[in-house]
Amino acid sequence: MATLDSAELLSVIGGVKMTYNFSYEHFIYEEDKMVFRPNLNLFDYDIQQLILEAERNIGALARLGLKSHPLEPTILRNSLVRTAHFTTKIEQNKLEFKEVEQVYQSYKKNPLTIKQKAQLEVKNVFETYEYIYSLDPNKDFSDMDEPVLKKIQQTLMQNLTGYPDGYRSIPVALQDSDGQVSYQPPACNEIPLLMRAYFSWLFTSVTGLSNPYETNVVSEKKVHPLIISGITHHLIGYVHPFPDGNGRTARAFSTLVGLIHNDLSTIKDAFSVEEYFDKRIEDYYDTLMTATQGNLKPFIVFYLECVIASLTKVLKELQRYDRIKHIRELLGKGHAKTMFELIARMEDGEIFHRQLFDETLDASPSSIAKNISKLKDLGVIIPGENRGEYIISIVD
């Protein structure tokens, strides 16, 4: 029995930890054929509202023209570093964000040794996502078929495991922090059948066709890419098809599947959903377990909320940059611009005291007060709760 990743997927009932066994939830037999049928109402109101919100953010990012934006190099670098940091942090990698940045800057020039396991883990993530971003599933379904899934897992686990490539041939179990089994995935001899059922569903959900030989697209069969992505994420964790690295593989392959969305594919390397999985780690594990027991909705809602949060972060970064540039032009030269430059380095929502200006500027109190009023009128600061306190508000 092997322990895969670090996901603590368990339930506590009456103080007793429960073990969940794979029970074919979301799979049925039709005419002696195994079929994947996710237990999810695709037209659920909550889910559709989140899809609409995600679409608004995707559309806003597309309109801002990220690829020609001055912030593009910074955003793309930070996004990839965040992805590598958080997807490995979830699996107990102890590297700090700055250390992951350092690996990113040097891994192509300075080869890593097997002893540098933590660094190898993040290096493999960088290489995996470079591979993912080279694909175009929006145009070619074969860019997200079974061999691609296996290549992603192989790249993620390169030099980190002694298991052979491909689907596992050993029994595995997920264990909690006490070493108790919390989830028992299916037997290894069942994996090929289960994964074939999934990839058949994936083909139909993406193309609207029952098989590659059909020519008439049935729109009712197609599913929104973000829902497909969320279901895919759960499926890989549920089946646990690989001997190791299933969590990282689920997050990476679901990212790839989401890129069948035409607009999303144009900003594919600009955001990091993994950051928000880590920020809400208990919700992540709890909703995955609920899906394992048959109810996919909580995880899909959670997944979409994390996607929206990651898109919103990028959108605000771009809007903030553009607004700062605009405010600078409005202020021209003088004390007001100097004061603005001081606060523009701070995060929205951060609190500061006017003492910052008193100590920094060679200006009279009345001049500082006058320019504070100017900044308030521009909406970049708002009064705080205490006298002399202000809150940064560059982007509403």
Protein backbone atom coordinates (compact mmCIF):
# COMPACT_ATOMS: atom_id res chain seq x y z
CA MET A 1 0.00 0.00 0.00
CA ALA A 2 1.34 3.42 -0.95
CA THR A 3 0.44 6.86 0.33
CA LEU A 4 -0.30 9.28 -2.49
CA ASP A 5 0.24 13.00 -2.17
CA SER A 6 -0.83 14.56 1.11
CA ALA A 7 -4.57 15.09 0.72
CA GLU A 8 -6.26 14.38 4.01
CA LEU A 9 -9.59 13.20 2.61
CA LEU A 10 -11.51 11.82 5.57
CA SER A 11 -14.72 12.17 7.45
CA VAL A 12 -15.24 12.32 11.21
CA ILE A 13 -18.53 10.95 12.50
CA GLY A 14 -19.08 10.83 16.24
CA GLY A 15 -15.36 11.41 16.76
CA VAL A 16 -14.46 8.35 14.66
CA LYS A 17 -12.49 8.75 11.43
CA MET A 18 -14.18 7.01 8.53
CA THR A 19 -12.53 5.31 5.56
CA TYR A 20 -14.22 5.70 2.18
CA ASN A 21 -13.83 3.10 -0.51
CA PHE A 22 -14.24 3.66 -4.22
CA SER A 23 -17.86 2.74 -4.91
CA TYR A 24 -18.44 3.59 -8.60
CA GLU A 25 -20.21 6.86 -7.86
CA HIS A 26 -20.50 8.71 -11.21
CA PHE A 27 -20.01 5.45 -13.16
CA ILE A 28 -22.75 3.19 -14.55
CA TYR A 29 -23.05 0.27 -16.93
CA GLU A 30 -24.97 0.74 -20.17
CA GLU A 31 -25.34 -2.36 -22.33
CA ASP A 32 -22.41 -4.02 -20.52
CA LYS A 33 -20.22 -0.96 -21.11
CA MET A 34 -18.74 1.15 -18.34
CA VAL A 35 -19.89 4.77 -18.74
CA PHE A 36 -18.85 7.90 -16.83
CA ARG A 37 -21.91 9.91 -15.76
CA PRO A 38 -20.99 12.71 -13.34
CA ASN A 39 -23.71 13.23 -10.75
CA LEU A 40 -24.19 16.93 -11.43
CA ASN A 41 -27.01 19.15 -12.63
CA LEU A 42 -25.28 21.18 -15.33
CA PHE A 43 -28.07 23.78 -15.20
CA ASP A 44 -27.95 24.28 -11.43
CA TYR A 45 -28.63 27.96 -10.65
CA ASP A 46 -25.60 28.45 -8.35
CA ILE A 47 -23.25 26.90 -10.88
CA GLN A 48 -24.65 28.90 -13.78
CA GLN A 49 -24.32 32.15 -11.83
CA LEU A 50 -20.65 31.37 -11.16
CA ILE A 51 -20.11 30.53 -14.84
CA LEU A 52 -21.58 33.92 -15.78
CA GLU A 53 -19.27 35.67 -13.32
CA ALA A 54 -16.25 33.79 -14.66
CA GLU A 55 -17.23 34.70 -18.22
CA ARG A 56 -17.45 38.38 -17.27
CA ASN A 57 -13.90 38.26 -15.88
CA ILE A 58 -12.58 36.33 -18.88
CA GLY A 59 -14.21 38.83 -21.23
CA ALA A 60 -12.81 41.79 -19.29
CA LEU A 61 -9.30 40.33 -19.45
CA ALA A 62 -9.64 39.66 -23.15
CA ARG A 63 -10.74 43.27 -23.73
CA LEU A 64 -7.78 44.63 -21.76
CA GLY A 65 -5.46 42.94 -24.24
CA LEU A 66 -3.11 41.15 -21.84
CA LYS A 67 -0.72 40.01 -24.56
CA SER A 68 0.17 43.60 -25.45
CA HIS A 69 0.05 44.95 -21.90
CA PRO A 70 3.27 46.29 -20.28
CA LEU A 71 2.60 44.09 -17.22
CA GLU A 72 2.43 40.87 -19.27
CA PRO A 73 5.97 39.59 -18.54
CA THR A 74 5.59 40.22 -14.81
CA ILE A 75 2.14 38.63 -14.62
CA LEU A 76 3.16 35.55 -16.58
CA ARG A 77 6.28 35.01 -14.50
CA ASN A 78 4.46 35.51 -11.20
CA SER A 79 1.60 33.25 -12.28
CA LEU A 80 3.88 30.34 -13.12
CA VAL A 81 5.87 30.79 -9.91
CA ARG A 82 2.64 30.89 -7.86
CA THR A 83 1.36 27.76 -9.60
CA ALA A 84 4.59 25.86 -8.90
CA HIS A 85 4.74 27.12 -5.33
CA PHE A 86 1.16 26.34 -4.34
CA THR A 87 0.63 23.05 -6.19
CA THR A 88 3.73 21.64 -4.46
CA LYS A 89 2.98 23.35 -1.14
CA ILE A 90 -0.31 21.45 -1.05
CA GLU A 91 1.85 18.31 -1.20
CA GLN A 92 3.98 19.50 1.74
CA ASN A 93 6.83 21.11 -0.20
CA LYS A 94 8.53 23.48 2.26
CA LEU A 95 10.12 25.94 -0.18
CA GLU A 96 9.16 29.57 0.38
CA PHE A 97 7.81 31.66 -2.50
CA LYS A 98 11.13 33.50 -2.89
CA GLU A 99 12.96 30.19 -3.12
CA VAL A 100 10.60 28.99 -5.87
CA GLU A 101 11.32 32.26 -7.70
CA GLN A 102 15.03 31.51 -7.47
CA VAL A 103 14.53 28.04 -8.95
CA TYR A 104 12.54 29.55 -11.79
CA GLN A 105 15.33 31.98 -12.60
CA SER A 106 18.08 29.34 -12.64
CA TYR A 107 16.71 25.84 -13.33
CA LYS A 108 17.41 25.95 -17.08
CA LYS A 109 21.03 27.01 -16.53
CA ASN A 110 21.88 25.08 -13.35
CA PRO A 111 20.89 21.39 -13.35
CA LEU A 112 19.46 20.06 -10.10
CA THR A 113 20.54 16.86 -8.36
CA ILE A 114 18.25 14.11 -7.10
CA LYS A 115 19.10 15.19 -3.55
CA GLN A 116 17.38 18.54 -4.19
CA LYS A 117 13.90 17.01 -4.06
CA ALA A 118 12.00 20.18 -3.16
CA GLN A 119 13.65 22.11 -5.98
CA LEU A 120 13.08 19.22 -8.41
CA GLU A 121 9.38 19.24 -7.59
CA VAL A 122 8.95 22.88 -8.58
CA LYS A 123 11.26 22.54 -11.60
CA ASN A 124 9.05 19.70 -12.85
CA VAL A 125 6.00 21.91 -12.46
CA PHE A 126 7.66 24.64 -14.55
CA GLU A 127 8.44 22.13 -17.31
CA THR A 128 4.96 20.60 -17.13
CA TYR A 129 3.17 23.91 -17.54
CA GLU A 130 5.50 24.96 -20.35
CA TYR A 131 4.40 21.76 -22.08
CA ILE A 132 0.73 22.45 -21.29
CA TYR A 133 0.95 25.98 -22.69
CA SER A 134 2.49 24.62 -25.91
CA LEU A 135 -0.68 22.62 -26.58
CA ASP A 136 -3.90 23.86 -28.15
CA PRO A 137 -6.83 21.73 -26.96
CA ASN A 138 -9.19 24.40 -28.28
CA LYS A 139 -8.31 23.26 -31.81
CA ASP A 140 -7.14 19.68 -31.40
CA PHE A 141 -8.79 17.19 -29.04
CA SER A 142 -5.72 14.95 -29.18
CA ASP A 143 -3.91 17.66 -27.19
CA MET A 144 -5.76 16.43 -24.09
CA ASP A 145 -6.14 12.70 -24.70
CA GLU A 146 -4.84 9.79 -22.62
CA PRO A 147 -1.18 9.92 -23.78
CA VAL A 148 -1.06 13.64 -22.88
CA LEU A 149 -2.39 12.91 -19.37
CA LYS A 150 0.31 10.27 -18.90
CA LYS A 151 3.03 12.60 -20.19
CA ILE A 152 1.94 15.31 -17.74
CA GLN A 153 2.19 12.91 -14.79
CA GLN A 154 5.53 11.59 -16.03
CA THR A 155 6.94 15.12 -16.33
CA LEU A 156 5.67 16.13 -12.90
CA MET A 157 7.27 13.08 -11.25
CA GLN A 158 10.51 12.96 -13.25
CA ASN A 159 13.40 11.90 -10.95
CA LEU A 160 11.03 11.86 -7.99
CA THR A 161 9.71 8.30 -8.07
CA GLY A 162 10.94 4.82 -8.83
CA TYR A 163 7.58 3.64 -10.15
CA PRO A 164 7.29 2.78 -13.85
CA ASP A 165 5.55 5.26 -16.14
CA GLY A 166 1.85 4.97 -16.87
CA TYR A 167 -1.10 3.80 -14.82
CA ARG A 168 -0.36 2.12 -11.54
CA SER A 169 -0.01 -1.62 -11.13
CA ILE A 170 -0.07 -1.54 -7.33
CA PRO A 171 -2.78 -1.02 -4.70
CA VAL A 172 -2.75 2.43 -3.10
CA ALA A 173 -4.55 4.31 -0.35
CA LEU A 174 -4.72 7.86 0.93
CA GLN A 175 -3.70 8.25 4.55
CA ASP A 176 -4.35 11.02 7.01
CA SER A 177 -1.75 12.68 9.22
CA ASP A 178 -2.15 9.89 11.79
CA GLY A 179 -1.34 7.23 9.23
CA GLN A 180 -4.93 5.97 9.03
CA VAL A 181 -6.46 5.12 5.66
CA SER A 182 -8.99 7.80 4.69
CA TYR A 183 -9.77 6.82 1.10
CA GLN A 184 -9.29 3.57 -0.81
CA PRO A 185 -9.21 4.11 -4.61
CA PRO A 186 -10.18 1.35 -7.05
CA ALA A 187 -8.02 -1.68 -7.71
CA CYS A 188 -5.32 -1.15 -10.31
CA ASN A 189 -6.87 -3.63 -12.78
CA GLU A 190 -9.98 -1.42 -12.96
CA ILE A 191 -8.14 1.76 -13.92
CA PRO A 192 -7.94 1.31 -17.72
CA LEU A 193 -11.70 0.69 -17.92
CA LEU A 194 -12.55 3.65 -15.71
CA MET A 195 -10.22 6.01 -17.55
CA ARG A 196 -11.56 4.92 -20.95
CA ALA A 197 -15.05 5.75 -19.71
CA TYR A 198 -13.84 9.19 -18.60
CA PHE A 199 -12.07 9.96 -21.88
CA SER A 200 -15.16 8.92 -23.81
CA TRP A 201 -17.23 11.35 -21.71
CA LEU A 202 -14.57 14.03 -22.19
CA PHE A 203 -14.69 13.65 -25.99
CA THR A 204 -18.48 13.96 -26.07
CA SER A 205 -18.58 16.86 -23.58
CA VAL A 206 -16.03 18.83 -25.60
CA THR A 207 -17.11 18.04 -29.16
CA GLY A 208 -20.82 17.23 -28.86
CA LEU A 209 -20.15 13.96 -30.72
CA SER A 210 -20.63 10.45 -29.36
CA ASN A 211 -17.55 9.20 -31.20
CA PRO A 212 -14.92 10.45 -33.70
CA TYR A 213 -16.88 9.04 -36.63
CA GLU A 214 -19.97 11.21 -36.13
CA THR A 215 -20.38 14.45 -38.06
CA ASN A 216 -23.49 15.99 -36.52
CA VAL A 217 -22.73 18.02 -33.42
CA VAL A 218 -25.43 17.81 -30.74
CA SER A 219 -25.07 21.00 -28.71
CA GLU A 220 -26.92 19.50 -25.72
CA LYS A 221 -24.02 17.08 -25.28
CA LYS A 222 -21.45 19.84 -24.94
CA VAL A 223 -20.51 21.06 -21.46
CA HIS A 224 -18.98 24.39 -20.42
CA PRO A 225 -15.16 24.08 -20.36
CA LEU A 226 -14.85 25.21 -16.74
CA ILE A 227 -17.31 22.55 -15.60
CA ILE A 228 -15.43 19.93 -17.62
CA SER A 229 -12.23 21.15 -16.00
CA GLY A 230 -13.64 20.86 -12.47
CA ILE A 231 -15.10 17.40 -13.10
CA THR A 232 -11.76 16.30 -14.56
CA HIS A 233 -9.92 17.52 -11.47
CA HIS A 234 -12.13 15.42 -9.22
CA LEU A 235 -12.05 12.36 -11.49
CA ILE A 236 -8.27 12.02 -11.38
CA GLY A 237 -8.22 12.24 -7.59
CA TYR A 238 -11.18 9.85 -7.37
CA VAL A 239 -9.71 7.12 -9.56
CA HIS A 240 -6.08 7.80 -8.57
CA PRO A 241 -4.78 6.21 -11.78
CA PHE A 242 -1.06 6.77 -11.10
CA PRO A 243 1.30 5.34 -8.50
CA ASP A 244 2.26 8.87 -7.38
CA GLY A 245 1.60 12.54 -8.12
CA ASN A 246 -2.16 12.31 -8.65
CA GLY A 247 -2.93 15.60 -6.92
CA ARG A 248 -0.46 17.60 -8.98
CA THR A 249 -1.57 15.77 -12.12
CA ALA A 250 -5.24 16.52 -11.41
CA ARG A 251 -4.51 20.22 -11.02
CA ALA A 252 -2.31 20.35 -14.15
CA PHE A 253 -4.52 18.31 -16.47
CA SER A 254 -7.69 20.12 -15.40
CA THR A 255 -5.90 23.39 -16.26
CA LEU A 256 -5.20 22.03 -19.74
CA VAL A 257 -8.80 20.87 -20.21
CA GLY A 258 -10.06 24.35 -19.28
CA LEU A 259 -8.13 25.77 -22.23
CA ILE A 260 -10.71 24.43 -24.67
CA HIS A 261 -12.39 27.74 -23.78
CA ASN A 262 -11.33 29.99 -26.65
CA ASP A 263 -10.95 33.22 -24.67
CA LEU A 264 -9.42 31.48 -21.67
CA SER A 265 -6.77 29.96 -23.90
CA THR A 266 -5.55 33.46 -24.80
CA ILE A 267 -4.77 34.20 -21.12
CA LYS A 268 -3.91 30.63 -20.14
CA ASP A 269 -0.63 31.42 -18.43
CA ALA A 270 -1.78 34.54 -16.59
CA PHE A 271 -3.54 33.15 -13.52
CA SER A 272 -3.04 30.53 -10.82
CA VAL A 273 -6.04 28.64 -9.45
CA GLU A 274 -3.72 26.57 -7.22
CA GLU A 275 -3.09 29.62 -5.04
CA TYR A 276 -6.76 29.66 -4.03
CA PHE A 277 -6.91 25.90 -3.47
CA ASP A 278 -4.15 26.39 -0.90
CA LYS A 279 -5.85 29.41 0.70
CA ARG A 280 -9.00 27.33 1.21
CA ILE A 281 -7.33 23.99 1.77
CA GLU A 282 -9.99 22.56 4.12
CA ASP A 283 -12.78 23.40 1.67
CA TYR A 284 -10.67 21.81 -1.07
CA TYR A 285 -10.38 18.49 0.75
CA ASP A 286 -13.91 18.50 2.13
CA THR A 287 -15.62 19.14 -1.23
CA LEU A 288 -13.43 16.55 -2.96
CA MET A 289 -14.56 13.97 -0.42
CA THR A 290 -18.20 14.99 -0.83
CA ALA A 291 -17.81 14.43 -4.57
CA THR A 292 -16.23 11.04 -3.90
CA GLN A 293 -19.40 10.13 -2.01
CA GLY A 294 -21.56 11.11 -4.98
CA ASN A 295 -22.34 14.85 -4.77
CA LEU A 296 -20.21 16.87 -7.19
CA LYS A 297 -21.91 20.24 -6.76
CA PRO A 298 -19.97 21.50 -3.69
CA PHE A 299 -16.63 20.82 -5.38
CA ILE A 300 -17.67 22.39 -8.70
CA VAL A 301 -18.91 25.48 -6.84
CA PHE A 302 -15.63 25.62 -4.90
CA TYR A 303 -13.62 25.11 -8.10
CA LEU A 304 -15.43 27.89 -9.95
CA GLU A 305 -15.03 30.25 -7.00
CA CYS A 306 -11.26 29.64 -7.07
CA VAL A 307 -11.13 30.21 -10.83
CA ILE A 308 -13.04 33.48 -10.42
CA ALA A 309 -10.76 34.61 -7.58
CA SER A 310 -7.65 33.93 -9.66
CA LEU A 311 -9.07 35.75 -12.69
CA THR A 312 -10.15 38.67 -10.51
CA LYS A 313 -6.64 39.00 -9.09
CA VAL A 314 -5.11 39.35 -12.57
CA LEU A 315 -7.87 41.70 -13.69
CA LYS A 316 -7.28 43.97 -10.69
CA GLU A 317 -3.52 43.97 -11.29
CA LEU A 318 -4.06 45.20 -14.84
CA GLN A 319 -6.73 47.71 -13.83
CA ARG A 320 -4.51 48.99 -11.02
CA TYR A 321 -1.56 49.47 -13.36
CA ASP A 322 -3.70 51.38 -15.85
CA ARG A 323 -5.32 53.50 -13.13
CA ILE A 324 -1.96 54.39 -11.56
CA LYS A 325 -0.71 55.47 -14.98
CA HIS A 326 -3.82 57.61 -15.47
CA ILE A 327 -3.57 59.23 -12.01
CA ARG A 328 0.08 60.05 -12.59
CA GLU A 329 -0.86 61.87 -15.78
CA LEU A 330 -3.61 63.81 -13.98
CA LEU A 331 -1.38 64.88 -11.11
CA GLY A 332 1.55 66.03 -13.20
CA LYS A 333 4.31 67.32 -10.90
CA GLY A 334 4.21 68.49 -7.31
CA HIS A 335 3.58 67.21 -3.80
CA ALA A 336 0.37 65.39 -4.73
CA LYS A 337 2.22 63.20 -7.22
CA THR A 338 5.00 62.50 -4.72
CA MET A 339 2.40 61.48 -2.14
CA PHE A 340 0.67 59.28 -4.69
CA GLU A 341 3.94 57.55 -5.59
CA LEU A 342 4.39 56.66 -1.91
CA ILE A 343 0.97 55.01 -1.58
CA ALA A 344 0.95 53.41 -5.04
CA ARG A 345 3.47 50.89 -3.70
CA MET A 346 0.94 49.70 -1.12
CA GLU A 347 -1.83 47.16 -1.58
CA ASP A 348 -5.48 48.20 -1.85
CA GLY A 349 -7.06 47.98 1.58
CA GLU A 350 -3.78 48.75 3.34
CA ILE A 351 -4.01 51.40 6.10
CA PHE A 352 -1.49 54.20 6.53
CA HIS A 353 -1.27 57.40 8.61
CA ARG A 354 -0.74 60.91 7.27
CA GLN A 355 2.44 60.90 9.35
CA LEU A 356 3.96 59.09 6.36
CA PHE A 357 3.63 62.31 4.36
CA ASP A 358 4.66 64.58 7.24
CA GLU A 359 7.93 62.68 7.68
CA THR A 360 8.71 62.25 3.99
CA LEU A 361 7.79 65.55 2.36
CA ASP A 362 9.32 68.97 2.84
CA ALA A 363 5.91 70.63 2.86
CA SER A 364 3.69 72.55 5.27
CA PRO A 365 0.83 70.77 7.09
CA SER A 366 -1.70 72.85 5.14
CA SER A 367 -0.13 71.85 1.82
CA ILE A 368 -0.19 68.19 2.81
CA ALA A 369 -3.83 68.50 3.92
CA LYS A 370 -4.74 70.17 0.61
CA ASN A 371 -3.11 67.37 -1.40
CA ILE A 372 -4.68 64.67 0.77
CA SER A 373 -8.04 66.18 -0.20
CA LYS A 374 -6.99 65.96 -3.85
CA LEU A 375 -6.13 62.27 -3.46
CA LYS A 376 -9.47 61.67 -1.72
CA ASP A 377 -11.31 63.42 -4.56
CA LEU A 378 -9.55 61.15 -7.05
CA GLY A 379 -10.76 58.16 -5.03
CA VAL A 380 -7.33 56.62 -4.43
CA ILE A 381 -7.60 56.95 -0.65
CA ILE A 382 -10.53 56.96 1.75
CA PRO A 383 -10.60 58.02 5.44
CA GLY A 384 -9.94 55.29 8.01
CA GLU A 385 -11.62 54.80 11.37
CA ASN A 386 -9.10 56.84 13.37
CA ARG A 387 -8.00 60.43 13.00
CA GLY A 388 -5.25 60.80 10.39
CA GLU A 389 -5.74 57.26 9.05
CA TYR A 390 -6.40 56.49 5.38
CA ILE A 391 -7.07 53.35 3.37
CA ILE A 392 -5.57 52.66 -0.05
CA SER A 393 -8.33 52.40 -2.69
CA ILE A 394 -6.70 52.67 -6.11
CA VAL A 395 -8.99 50.08 -7.69
CA ASP A 396 -12.61 50.09 -6.50
